[in-house]
Amino acid sequence: MSQHHISTRHMKTVRRRFREECKEKDEPCWLCGQRTIDYETQGEPDSFSLDHFYPVSTHPEFITDPANFRASHSLCNTKRGNAAPTAGLGTTSEDWGI
């Protein structure tokens, strides 16, 4: 899928809404697990980035599917690229308090 589809007005709106939800919940980076996502700045390594569990390049049908969205650091998302997630990455379905 070409880059311009990711930059559509609809996708920008979806991205903004997801960012606000993540900021409100103080979501950690799903790739590294750290709660240090900077929701205020853009273009910095620790700033928020909307990552797609299934990469857009291989699964363009999920580009606007919120179930495919994950909060990440910009740097973590860049390092991952369009590779499949490494085993052990992701968020737990419940806080087990361990």
N, C-alpha and C. Protein backbone atom coordinates (compact mmCIF):
# COMPACT_ATOMS: atom_id res chain seq x y z
N MET A 1 0.85 -1.17 0.00
CA MET A 1 0.00 0.00 0.00
C MET A 1 0.89 1.22 0.00
N SER A 2 0.56 2.19 -0.79
CA SER A 2 1.39 3.38 -0.89
C SER A 2 1.20 4.27 0.34
N GLN A 3 2.20 5.08 0.59
CA GLN A 3 2.22 5.95 1.77
C GLN A 3 1.04 6.91 1.82
N HIS A 4 0.56 7.39 0.67
CA HIS A 4 -0.51 8.38 0.70
C HIS A 4 -1.80 7.85 1.30
N HIS A 5 -2.03 6.55 1.29
CA HIS A 5 -3.22 5.99 1.91
C HIS A 5 -3.16 6.09 3.43
N ILE A 6 -1.97 6.04 3.99
CA ILE A 6 -1.80 6.18 5.43
C ILE A 6 -2.04 7.63 5.84
N SER A 7 -1.83 8.56 4.95
CA SER A 7 -1.95 9.99 5.25
C SER A 7 -3.31 10.57 4.92
N THR A 8 -4.30 9.77 4.69
CA THR A 8 -5.62 10.30 4.38
C THR A 8 -6.20 11.02 5.59
N ARG A 9 -7.14 11.89 5.35
CA ARG A 9 -7.80 12.63 6.43
C ARG A 9 -8.43 11.66 7.42
N HIS A 10 -9.08 10.61 6.92
CA HIS A 10 -9.71 9.63 7.80
C HIS A 10 -8.66 8.96 8.69
N MET A 11 -7.54 8.56 8.12
CA MET A 11 -6.50 7.89 8.92
C MET A 11 -5.92 8.84 9.95
N LYS A 12 -5.75 10.10 9.59
CA LYS A 12 -5.24 11.08 10.56
C LYS A 12 -6.21 11.23 11.73
N THR A 13 -7.49 11.22 11.45
CA THR A 13 -8.50 11.30 12.51
C THR A 13 -8.45 10.07 13.39
N VAL A 14 -8.39 8.90 12.79
CA VAL A 14 -8.32 7.64 13.52
C VAL A 14 -7.07 7.61 14.40
N ARG A 15 -5.94 8.02 13.84
CA ARG A 15 -4.67 8.05 14.58
C ARG A 15 -4.77 9.01 15.77
N ARG A 16 -5.33 10.18 15.56
CA ARG A 16 -5.46 11.17 16.64
C ARG A 16 -6.33 10.63 17.77
N ARG A 17 -7.45 10.01 17.42
CA ARG A 17 -8.34 9.43 18.45
C ARG A 17 -7.64 8.34 19.23
N PHE A 18 -6.92 7.46 18.53
CA PHE A 18 -6.21 6.37 19.20
C PHE A 18 -5.14 6.94 20.13
N ARG A 19 -4.41 7.95 19.68
CA ARG A 19 -3.38 8.59 20.49
C ARG A 19 -3.97 9.16 21.78
N GLU A 20 -5.12 9.83 21.65
CA GLU A 20 -5.78 10.41 22.84
C GLU A 20 -6.23 9.32 23.81
N GLU A 21 -6.76 8.22 23.30
CA GLU A 21 -7.16 7.11 24.16
C GLU A 21 -5.95 6.53 24.90
N CYS A 22 -4.86 6.37 24.17
CA CYS A 22 -3.65 5.82 24.78
C CYS A 22 -3.07 6.77 25.82
N LYS A 23 -3.09 8.05 25.52
CA LYS A 23 -2.58 9.06 26.46
C LYS A 23 -3.40 9.03 27.74
N GLU A 24 -4.72 8.96 27.60
CA GLU A 24 -5.61 8.93 28.76
C GLU A 24 -5.34 7.71 29.64
N LYS A 25 -5.05 6.58 29.03
CA LYS A 25 -4.79 5.33 29.76
C LYS A 25 -3.33 5.17 30.15
N ASP A 26 -2.47 6.09 29.68
CA ASP A 26 -1.03 6.01 29.89
C ASP A 26 -0.51 4.65 29.42
N GLU A 27 -0.90 4.29 28.20
CA GLU A 27 -0.50 3.01 27.61
C GLU A 27 1.01 2.92 27.46
N PRO A 28 1.59 1.78 27.83
CA PRO A 28 3.02 1.59 27.59
C PRO A 28 3.28 1.19 26.14
N CYS A 29 4.52 1.26 25.74
CA CYS A 29 4.91 0.78 24.42
C CYS A 29 4.71 -0.73 24.37
N TRP A 30 3.97 -1.19 23.40
CA TRP A 30 3.70 -2.62 23.33
C TRP A 30 4.93 -3.41 22.90
N LEU A 31 5.92 -2.74 22.34
CA LEU A 31 7.12 -3.43 21.87
C LEU A 31 8.18 -3.59 22.96
N CYS A 32 8.38 -2.55 23.77
CA CYS A 32 9.43 -2.63 24.81
C CYS A 32 8.85 -2.70 26.22
N GLY A 33 7.55 -2.38 26.37
CA GLY A 33 6.90 -2.46 27.67
C GLY A 33 7.09 -1.25 28.57
N GLN A 34 7.84 -0.26 28.14
CA GLN A 34 8.10 0.91 28.97
C GLN A 34 6.94 1.90 28.91
N ARG A 35 6.64 2.55 30.02
CA ARG A 35 5.57 3.55 30.11
C ARG A 35 6.11 4.96 29.86
N THR A 36 7.08 5.08 29.02
CA THR A 36 7.72 6.37 28.80
C THR A 36 7.33 7.01 27.47
N ILE A 37 6.21 6.66 26.93
CA ILE A 37 5.79 7.26 25.66
C ILE A 37 5.48 8.73 25.90
N ASP A 38 6.06 9.57 25.08
CA ASP A 38 5.82 11.02 25.15
C ASP A 38 4.67 11.33 24.20
N TYR A 39 3.52 11.62 24.76
CA TYR A 39 2.33 11.89 23.96
C TYR A 39 2.23 13.35 23.52
N GLU A 40 3.17 14.18 23.94
CA GLU A 40 3.11 15.61 23.64
C GLU A 40 3.95 16.02 22.43
N THR A 41 5.04 15.33 22.15
CA THR A 41 5.93 15.72 21.07
C THR A 41 5.77 14.79 19.88
N GLN A 42 6.35 15.21 18.77
CA GLN A 42 6.38 14.38 17.57
C GLN A 42 7.80 14.35 17.04
N GLY A 43 8.16 13.25 16.41
CA GLY A 43 9.46 13.15 15.76
C GLY A 43 10.62 12.81 16.66
N GLU A 44 10.36 12.59 17.94
CA GLU A 44 11.42 12.19 18.88
C GLU A 44 11.38 10.68 19.06
N PRO A 45 12.51 10.06 19.44
CA PRO A 45 12.53 8.60 19.59
C PRO A 45 11.49 8.06 20.57
N ASP A 46 11.19 8.80 21.63
CA ASP A 46 10.23 8.31 22.63
C ASP A 46 8.82 8.86 22.43
N SER A 47 8.56 9.55 21.32
CA SER A 47 7.22 10.07 21.07
C SER A 47 6.29 8.96 20.60
N PHE A 48 4.99 9.20 20.74
CA PHE A 48 3.97 8.23 20.37
C PHE A 48 4.01 7.90 18.88
N SER A 49 3.82 6.64 18.60
CA SER A 49 3.66 6.17 17.23
C SER A 49 2.57 5.11 17.21
N LEU A 50 1.65 5.23 16.28
CA LEU A 50 0.63 4.19 16.11
C LEU A 50 1.27 3.06 15.32
N ASP A 51 1.42 1.93 15.97
CA ASP A 51 1.97 0.75 15.31
C ASP A 51 0.79 -0.15 14.94
N HIS A 52 0.97 -0.93 13.90
CA HIS A 52 -0.02 -1.91 13.48
C HIS A 52 0.52 -3.30 13.79
N PHE A 53 -0.24 -4.10 14.54
CA PHE A 53 0.18 -5.46 14.85
C PHE A 53 0.48 -6.21 13.55
N TYR A 54 -0.46 -6.17 12.63
CA TYR A 54 -0.22 -6.71 11.29
C TYR A 54 0.22 -5.54 10.42
N PRO A 55 1.45 -5.54 9.94
CA PRO A 55 1.97 -4.40 9.18
C PRO A 55 1.08 -4.03 7.99
N VAL A 56 0.96 -2.74 7.76
CA VAL A 56 0.15 -2.23 6.66
C VAL A 56 0.68 -2.73 5.32
N SER A 57 2.00 -2.88 5.22
CA SER A 57 2.58 -3.32 3.95
C SER A 57 2.16 -4.73 3.56
N THR A 58 1.84 -5.56 4.55
CA THR A 58 1.45 -6.93 4.27
C THR A 58 -0.05 -7.18 4.49
N HIS A 59 -0.70 -6.29 5.24
CA HIS A 59 -2.12 -6.44 5.55
C HIS A 59 -2.83 -5.09 5.42
N PRO A 60 -2.88 -4.52 4.23
CA PRO A 60 -3.49 -3.19 4.06
C PRO A 60 -4.96 -3.14 4.45
N GLU A 61 -5.63 -4.28 4.48
CA GLU A 61 -7.04 -4.30 4.84
C GLU A 61 -7.27 -3.94 6.31
N PHE A 62 -6.22 -3.97 7.13
CA PHE A 62 -6.34 -3.65 8.56
C PHE A 62 -5.83 -2.26 8.91
N ILE A 63 -5.61 -1.42 7.94
CA ILE A 63 -5.00 -0.11 8.19
C ILE A 63 -5.81 0.75 9.16
N THR A 64 -7.12 0.71 9.10
CA THR A 64 -7.94 1.54 10.00
C THR A 64 -8.69 0.72 11.05
N ASP A 65 -8.31 -0.53 11.22
CA ASP A 65 -8.96 -1.41 12.19
C ASP A 65 -8.35 -1.19 13.58
N PRO A 66 -9.09 -0.60 14.52
CA PRO A 66 -8.54 -0.35 15.85
C PRO A 66 -8.03 -1.60 16.56
N ALA A 67 -8.56 -2.76 16.23
CA ALA A 67 -8.07 -4.00 16.84
C ALA A 67 -6.63 -4.30 16.41
N ASN A 68 -6.18 -3.66 15.35
CA ASN A 68 -4.83 -3.86 14.84
C ASN A 68 -3.85 -2.79 15.37
N PHE A 69 -4.35 -1.80 16.09
CA PHE A 69 -3.52 -0.70 16.57
C PHE A 69 -2.80 -1.06 17.87
N ARG A 70 -1.59 -0.56 18.00
CA ARG A 70 -0.80 -0.69 19.22
C ARG A 70 -0.06 0.62 19.45
N ALA A 71 0.04 1.02 20.71
CA ALA A 71 0.83 2.20 21.07
C ALA A 71 2.29 1.80 21.15
N SER A 72 3.15 2.63 20.57
CA SER A 72 4.58 2.34 20.63
C SER A 72 5.37 3.63 20.63
N HIS A 73 6.64 3.49 20.99
CA HIS A 73 7.57 4.60 20.80
C HIS A 73 7.88 4.69 19.31
N SER A 74 8.16 5.87 18.85
CA SER A 74 8.52 6.06 17.45
C SER A 74 9.74 5.20 17.09
N LEU A 75 10.75 5.21 17.95
CA LEU A 75 11.97 4.44 17.68
C LEU A 75 11.69 2.93 17.66
N CYS A 76 10.89 2.44 18.60
CA CYS A 76 10.57 1.01 18.63
C CYS A 76 9.83 0.59 17.37
N ASN A 77 8.90 1.42 16.93
CA ASN A 77 8.14 1.14 15.72
C ASN A 77 9.06 1.13 14.50
N THR A 78 9.97 2.10 14.44
CA THR A 78 10.91 2.17 13.32
C THR A 78 11.82 0.95 13.29
N LYS A 79 12.32 0.54 14.46
CA LYS A 79 13.20 -0.63 14.53
C LYS A 79 12.48 -1.90 14.09
N ARG A 80 11.21 -2.01 14.46
CA ARG A 80 10.44 -3.20 14.08
C ARG A 80 10.20 -3.24 12.57
N GLY A 81 9.94 -2.07 11.98
CA GLY A 81 9.66 -2.03 10.55
C GLY A 81 8.39 -2.80 10.24
N ASN A 82 8.42 -3.60 9.18
CA ASN A 82 7.23 -4.38 8.84
C ASN A 82 7.43 -5.86 9.17
N ALA A 83 8.37 -6.13 10.06
CA ALA A 83 8.60 -7.51 10.50
C ALA A 83 7.49 -7.95 11.44
N ALA A 84 7.31 -9.25 11.54
CA ALA A 84 6.34 -9.79 12.48
C ALA A 84 6.82 -9.51 13.89
N PRO A 85 5.90 -9.36 14.84
CA PRO A 85 6.31 -9.12 16.22
C PRO A 85 7.15 -10.28 16.74
N THR A 86 8.12 -9.96 17.56
CA THR A 86 8.96 -10.98 18.18
C THR A 86 8.15 -11.70 19.25
N ALA A 87 8.39 -12.98 19.43
CA ALA A 87 7.70 -13.75 20.46
C ALA A 87 7.86 -13.07 21.80
N GLY A 88 6.77 -13.04 22.56
CA GLY A 88 6.82 -12.44 23.88
C GLY A 88 6.41 -10.98 23.89
N LEU A 89 6.23 -10.38 22.72
CA LEU A 89 5.80 -8.99 22.68
C LEU A 89 4.29 -8.91 22.75
N GLY A 90 3.83 -7.81 23.24
CA GLY A 90 2.40 -7.60 23.28
C GLY A 90 1.94 -7.22 24.67
N THR A 91 0.67 -7.03 24.81
CA THR A 91 0.12 -6.64 26.10
C THR A 91 -0.67 -7.80 26.68
N THR A 92 -0.69 -7.85 28.00
CA THR A 92 -1.46 -8.89 28.66
C THR A 92 -2.93 -8.52 28.63
N SER A 93 -3.78 -9.51 28.70
CA SER A 93 -5.21 -9.25 28.68
C SER A 93 -5.72 -8.78 30.03
N GLU A 94 -4.89 -8.93 31.07
CA GLU A 94 -5.31 -8.56 32.41
C GLU A 94 -4.07 -8.21 33.23
N ASP A 95 -4.21 -7.29 34.19
CA ASP A 95 -3.12 -6.97 35.09
C ASP A 95 -3.15 -7.97 36.22
N TRP A 96 -2.19 -8.88 36.23
CA TRP A 96 -2.18 -9.97 37.20
C TRP A 96 -1.57 -9.56 38.53
N GLY A 97 -0.96 -8.38 38.59
CA GLY A 97 -0.42 -7.88 39.86
C GLY A 97 0.73 -8.69 40.41
N ILE A 98 1.47 -9.30 39.53
CA ILE A 98 2.59 -10.13 39.97
C ILE A 98 3.82 -9.28 40.11
